[in-house]
Amino acid sequence: MIYLTLFIEFFKIGLFSIGGGMATVPFLMELTTKYTWFSTEELANMIAISESTPGPIGINMATFAGFHTAGIPGALTATFALVSPALVIIIIIAKFMANFSDNKYVKSAFYGIRPMIAALIGFAVWQIVGITFADTSNGTITLHYSAVIIGLIIFILTQIKPLKKIHPIIWIIVGAASGIFFQL
């Protein structure tokens, strides 16, 4: 039964999270309240791991969430469910797009989707910032000062001209190491 539930939930996420992997975050946040599969803090860790590993973040998060919930079969189920809607839609669009690519209604529809995608991604960023820099689990807002300081220092360092050339993975490693250091 858990696999069917995983499939349904991640199929819906794949169907409605237009705009890329970060657009899945609001839907995953909803899963933290709907099921006991993972907590908000575990979701923040999933996001960090998914951003740090190769591959699309949405698929990485689905795989991680499925694995966390039901092991390897859960990871496979959640991943397959997440990509299924896109696969079906892309096949259908590719079949018919050649005939409708110059249609003014199709162009208008794609133009109208852009603000929705921007809003979904903006909302995801807002939630990630909230999870990263504050704890609201006990009903009050507790600021994570070390996370704010680490974030500000890394942001400032990345704005310095010679340091802008440093590969982003180095900054991710520096952030992870700093987080580990401040947790000890």
C-alpha atoms as a PDB file:
ATOM      1  CA  MET A   1       0.000   0.000   0.000  1.00  0.00           C
ATOM      2  CA  ILE A   2       2.877   2.378   0.759  1.00  0.00           C
ATOM      3  CA  TYR A   3       4.168   1.991  -2.815  1.00  0.00           C
ATOM      4  CA  LEU A   4       0.803   2.912  -4.310  1.00  0.00           C
ATOM      5  CA  THR A   5       0.579   5.955  -2.035  1.00  0.00           C
ATOM      6  CA  LEU A   6       4.153   6.952  -2.939  1.00  0.00           C
ATOM      7  CA  PHE A   7       3.353   6.538  -6.623  1.00  0.00           C
ATOM      8  CA  ILE A   8       0.173   8.615  -6.442  1.00  0.00           C
ATOM      9  CA  GLU A   9       1.753  11.433  -4.416  1.00  0.00           C
ATOM     10  CA  PHE A  10       4.882  11.691  -6.544  1.00  0.00           C
ATOM     11  CA  PHE A  11       2.887  11.337  -9.770  1.00  0.00           C
ATOM     12  CA  LYS A  12       0.856  14.383  -8.661  1.00  0.00           C
ATOM     13  CA  ILE A  13       4.069  16.228  -7.808  1.00  0.00           C
ATOM     14  CA  GLY A  14       5.500  15.392 -11.225  1.00  0.00           C
ATOM     15  CA  LEU A  15       2.290  16.463 -12.915  1.00  0.00           C
ATOM     16  CA  PHE A  16       1.921  19.837 -11.214  1.00  0.00           C
ATOM     17  CA  SER A  17       5.477  20.979 -10.437  1.00  0.00           C
ATOM     18  CA  ILE A  18       6.098  22.784 -13.687  1.00  0.00           C
ATOM     19  CA  GLY A  19       9.356  24.700 -13.720  1.00  0.00           C
ATOM     20  CA  GLY A  20      11.983  22.276 -12.531  1.00  0.00           C
ATOM     21  CA  GLY A  21      13.130  20.594  -9.375  1.00  0.00           C
ATOM     22  CA  MET A  22      12.778  23.556  -7.027  1.00  0.00           C
ATOM     23  CA  ALA A  23       9.102  23.719  -7.951  1.00  0.00           C
ATOM     24  CA  THR A  24       8.688  20.342  -6.203  1.00  0.00           C
ATOM     25  CA  VAL A  25       9.602  21.833  -2.808  1.00  0.00           C
ATOM     26  CA  PRO A  26       6.144  23.245  -1.948  1.00  0.00           C
ATOM     27  CA  PHE A  27       4.582  19.876  -2.748  1.00  0.00           C
ATOM     28  CA  LEU A  28       7.181  18.057  -0.657  1.00  0.00           C
ATOM     29  CA  MET A  29       6.509  20.498   2.195  1.00  0.00           C
ATOM     30  CA  GLU A  30       2.878  19.469   2.012  1.00  0.00           C
ATOM     31  CA  LEU A  31       3.918  15.811   2.313  1.00  0.00           C
ATOM     32  CA  THR A  32       5.665  16.584   5.614  1.00  0.00           C
ATOM     33  CA  THR A  33       2.304  17.540   7.121  1.00  0.00           C
ATOM     34  CA  LYS A  34       0.231  14.922   5.316  1.00  0.00           C
ATOM     35  CA  TYR A  35       2.381  11.872   6.101  1.00  0.00           C
ATOM     36  CA  THR A  36       5.052  10.887   8.604  1.00  0.00           C
ATOM     37  CA  TRP A  37       7.472   9.929   5.844  1.00  0.00           C
ATOM     38  CA  PHE A  38       9.935  12.702   6.669  1.00  0.00           C
ATOM     39  CA  SER A  39      10.047  15.874   8.751  1.00  0.00           C
ATOM     40  CA  THR A  40      10.627  19.455   7.653  1.00  0.00           C
ATOM     41  CA  GLU A  41      14.207  19.257   8.915  1.00  0.00           C
ATOM     42  CA  GLU A  42      14.763  16.028   6.965  1.00  0.00           C
ATOM     43  CA  LEU A  43      13.321  17.780   3.903  1.00  0.00           C
ATOM     44  CA  ALA A  44      15.896  20.555   4.336  1.00  0.00           C
ATOM     45  CA  ASN A  45      18.599  17.889   4.448  1.00  0.00           C
ATOM     46  CA  MET A  46      17.131  16.249   1.337  1.00  0.00           C
ATOM     47  CA  ILE A  47      17.276  19.578  -0.474  1.00  0.00           C
ATOM     48  CA  ALA A  48      20.905  20.093   0.567  1.00  0.00           C
ATOM     49  CA  ILE A  49      21.866  16.585  -0.534  1.00  0.00           C
ATOM     50  CA  SER A  50      19.896  16.849  -3.781  1.00  0.00           C
ATOM     51  CA  GLU A  51      21.528  20.184  -4.612  1.00  0.00           C
ATOM     52  CA  SER A  52      24.960  18.733  -3.858  1.00  0.00           C
ATOM     53  CA  THR A  53      24.637  15.566  -5.937  1.00  0.00           C
ATOM     54  CA  PRO A  54      24.736  15.293  -9.715  1.00  0.00           C
ATOM     55  CA  GLY A  55      21.451  15.160 -11.556  1.00  0.00           C
ATOM     56  CA  PRO A  56      18.135  17.001 -11.513  1.00  0.00           C
ATOM     57  CA  ILE A  57      17.157  18.118  -8.017  1.00  0.00           C
ATOM     58  CA  GLY A  58      13.527  17.012  -8.354  1.00  0.00           C
ATOM     59  CA  ILE A  59      14.490  13.477  -9.282  1.00  0.00           C
ATOM     60  CA  ASN A  60      17.171  13.362  -6.588  1.00  0.00           C
ATOM     61  CA  MET A  61      14.637  14.510  -3.996  1.00  0.00           C
ATOM     62  CA  ALA A  62      12.024  11.990  -5.137  1.00  0.00           C
ATOM     63  CA  THR A  63      14.590   9.208  -5.002  1.00  0.00           C
ATOM     64  CA  PHE A  64      15.797  10.283  -1.571  1.00  0.00           C
ATOM     65  CA  ALA A  65      12.266  10.713  -0.192  1.00  0.00           C
ATOM     66  CA  GLY A  66      11.173   7.347  -1.601  1.00  0.00           C
ATOM     67  CA  PHE A  67      14.238   5.645  -0.172  1.00  0.00           C
ATOM     68  CA  HIS A  68      13.755   7.320   3.195  1.00  0.00           C
ATOM     69  CA  THR A  69      10.131   6.159   3.214  1.00  0.00           C
ATOM     70  CA  ALA A  70      10.307   2.618   1.816  1.00  0.00           C
ATOM     71  CA  GLY A  71      13.876   1.681   0.925  1.00  0.00           C
ATOM     72  CA  ILE A  72      15.073   0.918  -2.600  1.00  0.00           C
ATOM     73  CA  PRO A  73      11.634  -0.099  -3.925  1.00  0.00           C
ATOM     74  CA  GLY A  74      10.262   3.186  -2.548  1.00  0.00           C
ATOM     75  CA  ALA A  75      13.066   5.142  -4.244  1.00  0.00           C
ATOM     76  CA  LEU A  76      12.334   3.473  -7.577  1.00  0.00           C
ATOM     77  CA  THR A  77       8.585   3.988  -7.180  1.00  0.00           C
ATOM     78  CA  ALA A  78       8.852   7.694  -6.271  1.00  0.00           C
ATOM     79  CA  THR A  79      11.362   8.396  -9.042  1.00  0.00           C
ATOM     80  CA  PHE A  80       9.339   6.608 -11.703  1.00  0.00           C
ATOM     81  CA  ALA A  81       6.148   8.321 -10.532  1.00  0.00           C
ATOM     82  CA  LEU A  82       7.782  11.772 -10.624  1.00  0.00           C
ATOM     83  CA  VAL A  83       9.078  11.428 -14.191  1.00  0.00           C
ATOM     84  CA  SER A  84       6.044   9.607 -15.644  1.00  0.00           C
ATOM     85  CA  PRO A  85       3.817  12.667 -16.193  1.00  0.00           C
ATOM     86  CA  ALA A  86       6.619  14.610 -17.865  1.00  0.00           C
ATOM     87  CA  LEU A  87       7.466  11.669 -20.089  1.00  0.00           C
ATOM     88  CA  VAL A  88       3.862  11.237 -21.222  1.00  0.00           C
ATOM     89  CA  ILE A  89       3.310  14.978 -21.693  1.00  0.00           C
ATOM     90  CA  ILE A  90       6.552  15.415 -23.664  1.00  0.00           C
ATOM     91  CA  ILE A  91       5.628  12.550 -25.984  1.00  0.00           C
ATOM     92  CA  ILE A  92       2.194  14.070 -26.585  1.00  0.00           C
ATOM     93  CA  ILE A  93       3.567  17.592 -27.038  1.00  0.00           C
ATOM     94  CA  ALA A  94       6.292  16.417 -29.406  1.00  0.00           C
ATOM     95  CA  LYS A  95       3.672  14.631 -31.490  1.00  0.00           C
ATOM     96  CA  PHE A  96       1.416  17.673 -31.821  1.00  0.00           C
ATOM     97  CA  MET A  97       3.755  20.647 -31.313  1.00  0.00           C
ATOM     98  CA  ALA A  98       4.987  20.706 -34.875  1.00  0.00           C
ATOM     99  CA  ASN A  99       1.423  21.430 -35.979  1.00  0.00           C
ATOM    100  CA  PHE A 100       0.748  24.080 -33.324  1.00  0.00           C
ATOM    101  CA  SER A 101       4.087  25.794 -32.707  1.00  0.00           C
ATOM    102  CA  ASP A 102       2.957  28.967 -34.476  1.00  0.00           C
ATOM    103  CA  ASN A 103      -0.533  28.973 -32.963  1.00  0.00           C
ATOM    104  CA  LYS A 104      -1.167  32.219 -31.049  1.00  0.00           C
ATOM    105  CA  TYR A 105      -3.130  30.376 -28.323  1.00  0.00           C
ATOM    106  CA  VAL A 106      -0.277  27.946 -27.691  1.00  0.00           C
ATOM    107  CA  LYS A 107       2.193  30.829 -27.519  1.00  0.00           C
ATOM    108  CA  SER A 108      -0.126  32.692 -25.143  1.00  0.00           C
ATOM    109  CA  ALA A 109      -0.507  29.613 -22.924  1.00  0.00           C
ATOM    110  CA  PHE A 110       3.274  29.239 -22.609  1.00  0.00           C
ATOM    111  CA  TYR A 111       3.555  32.957 -21.916  1.00  0.00           C
ATOM    112  CA  GLY A 112       0.911  32.650 -19.178  1.00  0.00           C
ATOM    113  CA  ILE A 113       2.652  29.705 -17.516  1.00  0.00           C
ATOM    114  CA  ARG A 114       5.837  31.710 -16.892  1.00  0.00           C
ATOM    115  CA  PRO A 115       4.535  33.758 -13.920  1.00  0.00           C
ATOM    116  CA  MET A 116       3.173  30.598 -12.284  1.00  0.00           C
ATOM    117  CA  ILE A 117       6.560  28.911 -12.621  1.00  0.00           C
ATOM    118  CA  ALA A 118       8.309  31.962 -11.176  1.00  0.00           C
ATOM    119  CA  ALA A 119       5.854  32.001  -8.242  1.00  0.00           C
ATOM    120  CA  LEU A 120       6.379  28.287  -7.517  1.00  0.00           C
ATOM    121  CA  ILE A 121      10.150  28.666  -7.561  1.00  0.00           C
ATOM    122  CA  GLY A 122       9.980  31.851  -5.468  1.00  0.00           C
ATOM    123  CA  PHE A 123       7.781  30.108  -2.911  1.00  0.00           C
ATOM    124  CA  ALA A 124      10.224  27.183  -2.797  1.00  0.00           C
ATOM    125  CA  VAL A 125      13.127  29.562  -2.177  1.00  0.00           C
ATOM    126  CA  TRP A 126      11.156  31.301   0.585  1.00  0.00           C
ATOM    127  CA  GLN A 127      10.449  27.955   2.290  1.00  0.00           C
ATOM    128  CA  ILE A 128      14.064  26.829   2.015  1.00  0.00           C
ATOM    129  CA  VAL A 129      15.270  30.105   3.513  1.00  0.00           C
ATOM    130  CA  GLY A 130      12.794  29.638   6.370  1.00  0.00           C
ATOM    131  CA  ILE A 131      13.893  26.051   7.013  1.00  0.00           C
ATOM    132  CA  THR A 132      17.568  26.949   6.794  1.00  0.00           C
ATOM    133  CA  PHE A 133      17.663  30.043   8.965  1.00  0.00           C
ATOM    134  CA  ALA A 134      14.822  29.504  11.447  1.00  0.00           C
ATOM    135  CA  ASP A 135      13.164  26.783  13.506  1.00  0.00           C
ATOM    136  CA  THR A 136       9.396  27.011  13.934  1.00  0.00           C
ATOM    137  CA  SER A 137       8.771  23.484  15.240  1.00  0.00           C
ATOM    138  CA  ASN A 138       7.942  24.557  18.807  1.00  0.00           C
ATOM    139  CA  GLY A 139       5.426  27.232  17.771  1.00  0.00           C
ATOM    140  CA  THR A 140       7.875  30.118  18.017  1.00  0.00           C
ATOM    141  CA  ILE A 141      10.482  31.361  15.578  1.00  0.00           C
ATOM    142  CA  THR A 142      14.019  30.578  16.693  1.00  0.00           C
ATOM    143  CA  LEU A 143      16.742  32.003  14.473  1.00  0.00           C
ATOM    144  CA  HIS A 144      19.719  29.760  13.647  1.00  0.00           C
ATOM    145  CA  TYR A 145      22.424  32.379  14.119  1.00  0.00           C
ATOM    146  CA  SER A 146      25.230  30.105  12.949  1.00  0.00           C
ATOM    147  CA  ALA A 147      23.381  29.368   9.686  1.00  0.00           C
ATOM    148  CA  VAL A 148      22.744  33.074   9.107  1.00  0.00           C
ATOM    149  CA  ILE A 149      26.408  33.904   9.764  1.00  0.00           C
ATOM    150  CA  ILE A 150      27.651  31.082   7.505  1.00  0.00           C
ATOM    151  CA  GLY A 151      25.244  32.153   4.762  1.00  0.00           C
ATOM    152  CA  LEU A 152      26.248  35.806   4.969  1.00  0.00           C
ATOM    153  CA  ILE A 153      29.981  35.062   5.036  1.00  0.00           C
ATOM    154  CA  ILE A 154      29.750  32.730   2.025  1.00  0.00           C
ATOM    155  CA  PHE A 155      27.546  35.220   0.163  1.00  0.00           C
ATOM    156  CA  ILE A 156      30.017  38.041   0.818  1.00  0.00           C
ATOM    157  CA  LEU A 157      32.980  35.879  -0.181  1.00  0.00           C
ATOM    158  CA  THR A 158      31.310  34.890  -3.453  1.00  0.00           C
ATOM    159  CA  GLN A 159      30.879  38.584  -4.318  1.00  0.00           C
ATOM    160  CA  ILE A 160      34.621  39.298  -4.120  1.00  0.00           C
ATOM    161  CA  LYS A 161      35.959  39.452  -7.672  1.00  0.00           C
ATOM    162  CA  PRO A 162      38.875  36.941  -7.410  1.00  0.00           C
ATOM    163  CA  LEU A 163      36.706  34.481  -5.459  1.00  0.00           C
ATOM    164  CA  LYS A 164      33.918  34.548  -8.065  1.00  0.00           C
ATOM    165  CA  LYS A 165      36.003  32.187 -10.186  1.00  0.00           C
ATOM    166  CA  ILE A 166      35.868  29.444  -7.542  1.00  0.00           C
ATOM    167  CA  HIS A 167      33.659  26.562  -8.627  1.00  0.00           C
ATOM    168  CA  PRO A 168      30.262  26.402  -6.838  1.00  0.00           C
ATOM    169  CA  ILE A 169      30.967  22.869  -5.554  1.00  0.00           C
ATOM    170  CA  ILE A 170      33.798  24.333  -3.474  1.00  0.00           C
ATOM    171  CA  TRP A 171      31.340  26.764  -1.847  1.00  0.00           C
ATOM    172  CA  ILE A 172      28.948  23.875  -1.183  1.00  0.00           C
ATOM    173  CA  ILE A 173      31.761  21.936   0.500  1.00  0.00           C
ATOM    174  CA  VAL A 174      32.771  25.008   2.525  1.00  0.00           C
ATOM    175  CA  GLY A 175      29.140  25.486   3.616  1.00  0.00           C
ATOM    176  CA  ALA A 176      28.761  21.809   4.547  1.00  0.00           C
ATOM    177  CA  ALA A 177      32.040  21.796   6.487  1.00  0.00           C
ATOM    178  CA  SER A 178      31.032  25.006   8.292  1.00  0.00           C
ATOM    179  CA  GLY A 179      27.661  23.512   9.176  1.00  0.00           C
ATOM    180  CA  ILE A 180      29.312  20.383  10.564  1.00  0.00           C
ATOM    181  CA  PHE A 181      31.823  22.473  12.501  1.00  0.00           C
ATOM    182  CA  PHE A 182      29.121  24.651  14.114  1.00  0.00           C
ATOM    183  CA  GLN A 183      26.984  21.611  14.993  1.00  0.00           C
ATOM    184  CA  LEU A 184      29.785  20.026  17.039  1.00  0.00           C
END
